[in-house]
C-alpha atoms as a PDB file:
ATOM      1  CA  UNK A   1       0.000   0.000   0.000  1.00  0.00           C
ATOM      2  CA  UNK A   2       2.658   2.562   0.997  1.00  0.00           C
ATOM      3  CA  UNK A   3       5.542   1.112  -1.024  1.00  0.00           C
ATOM      4  CA  UNK A   4       3.986   1.732  -4.471  1.00  0.00           C
ATOM      5  CA  UNK A   5       3.309   5.353  -3.525  1.00  0.00           C
ATOM      6  CA  UNK A   6       6.895   5.813  -2.353  1.00  0.00           C
ATOM      7  CA  UNK A   7       8.301   4.169  -5.474  1.00  0.00           C
ATOM      8  CA  UNK A   8       6.188   6.530  -7.610  1.00  0.00           C
ATOM      9  CA  UNK A   9       7.977   9.544  -6.086  1.00  0.00           C
ATOM     10  CA  UNK A  10      11.090  10.926  -7.728  1.00  0.00           C
ATOM     11  CA  UNK A  11      14.456  10.365  -6.095  1.00  0.00           C
ATOM     12  CA  UNK A  12      14.554  14.012  -5.072  1.00  0.00           C
ATOM     13  CA  UNK A  13      11.127  13.730  -3.422  1.00  0.00           C
ATOM     14  CA  UNK A  14      12.178  10.602  -1.506  1.00  0.00           C
ATOM     15  CA  UNK A  15      15.401  12.294  -0.435  1.00  0.00           C
ATOM     16  CA  UNK A  16      13.492  15.356   0.771  1.00  0.00           C
ATOM     17  CA  UNK A  17      11.113  13.099   2.723  1.00  0.00           C
ATOM     18  CA  UNK A  18      14.103  11.421   4.387  1.00  0.00           C
ATOM     19  CA  UNK A  19      15.600  14.794   5.309  1.00  0.00           C
ATOM     20  CA  UNK A  20      12.298  15.859   6.856  1.00  0.00           C
ATOM     21  CA  UNK A  21      12.071  12.632   8.888  1.00  0.00           C
ATOM     22  CA  UNK A  22      15.655  13.053  10.101  1.00  0.00           C
ATOM     23  CA  UNK A  23      14.980  16.660  11.146  1.00  0.00           C
ATOM     24  CA  UNK A  24      11.830  15.609  13.002  1.00  0.00           C
ATOM     25  CA  UNK A  25      13.732  12.849  14.833  1.00  0.00           C
ATOM     26  CA  UNK A  26      16.519  15.294  15.718  1.00  0.00           C
ATOM     27  CA  UNK A  27      14.019  17.794  17.160  1.00  0.00           C
ATOM     28  CA  UNK A  28      12.367  15.039  19.213  1.00  0.00           C
ATOM     29  CA  UNK A  29      15.693  13.931  20.689  1.00  0.00           C
ATOM     30  CA  UNK A  30      16.726  17.501  21.493  1.00  0.00           C
ATOM     31  CA  UNK A  31      13.314  18.204  23.056  1.00  0.00           C
ATOM     32  CA  UNK A  32      13.700  15.158  25.288  1.00  0.00           C
ATOM     33  CA  UNK A  33      16.946  16.461  26.809  1.00  0.00           C
ATOM     34  CA  UNK A  34      16.824  18.481  30.038  1.00  0.00           C
ATOM     35  CA  UNK A  35      16.433  22.218  29.398  1.00  0.00           C
ATOM     36  CA  UNK A  36      19.410  23.154  31.582  1.00  0.00           C
ATOM     37  CA  UNK A  37      22.016  21.248  29.538  1.00  0.00           C
ATOM     38  CA  UNK A  38      24.831  23.365  28.167  1.00  0.00           C
ATOM     39  CA  UNK A  39      25.557  23.530  24.448  1.00  0.00           C
ATOM     40  CA  UNK A  40      28.618  21.320  25.079  1.00  0.00           C
ATOM     41  CA  UNK A  41      26.483  18.635  26.693  1.00  0.00           C
ATOM     42  CA  UNK A  42      24.011  18.539  23.798  1.00  0.00           C
ATOM     43  CA  UNK A  43      26.912  18.043  21.409  1.00  0.00           C
ATOM     44  CA  UNK A  44      28.530  15.151  23.287  1.00  0.00           C
ATOM     45  CA  UNK A  45      30.091  12.569  20.934  1.00  0.00           C
ATOM     46  CA  UNK A  46      27.167  10.083  20.922  1.00  0.00           C
ATOM     47  CA  UNK A  47      24.675  12.857  20.228  1.00  0.00           C
ATOM     48  CA  UNK A  48      26.891  14.707  17.794  1.00  0.00           C
ATOM     49  CA  UNK A  49      27.195  11.652  15.572  1.00  0.00           C
ATOM     50  CA  UNK A  50      23.464  10.973  15.491  1.00  0.00           C
ATOM     51  CA  UNK A  51      22.154  14.537  15.281  1.00  0.00           C
ATOM     52  CA  UNK A  52      24.191  16.043  12.449  1.00  0.00           C
END
C-alpha cells in the first residue's frame, strides 16, 4: 500500500522526505533532553554523531 506510492515519487522527493524525517527525529531527541544542559552537553560525541 505505501511502497507503491513511495516508489512513484522521484528520487529528489524521496530524499526530501528522508531529510524531513531526520529533522523531526533530531528535534524530538533535542526536546527530550533536560532544558538546563549546556551547548557542550548537547553536542557530546554520541549525540553529535546521530544529530548532524
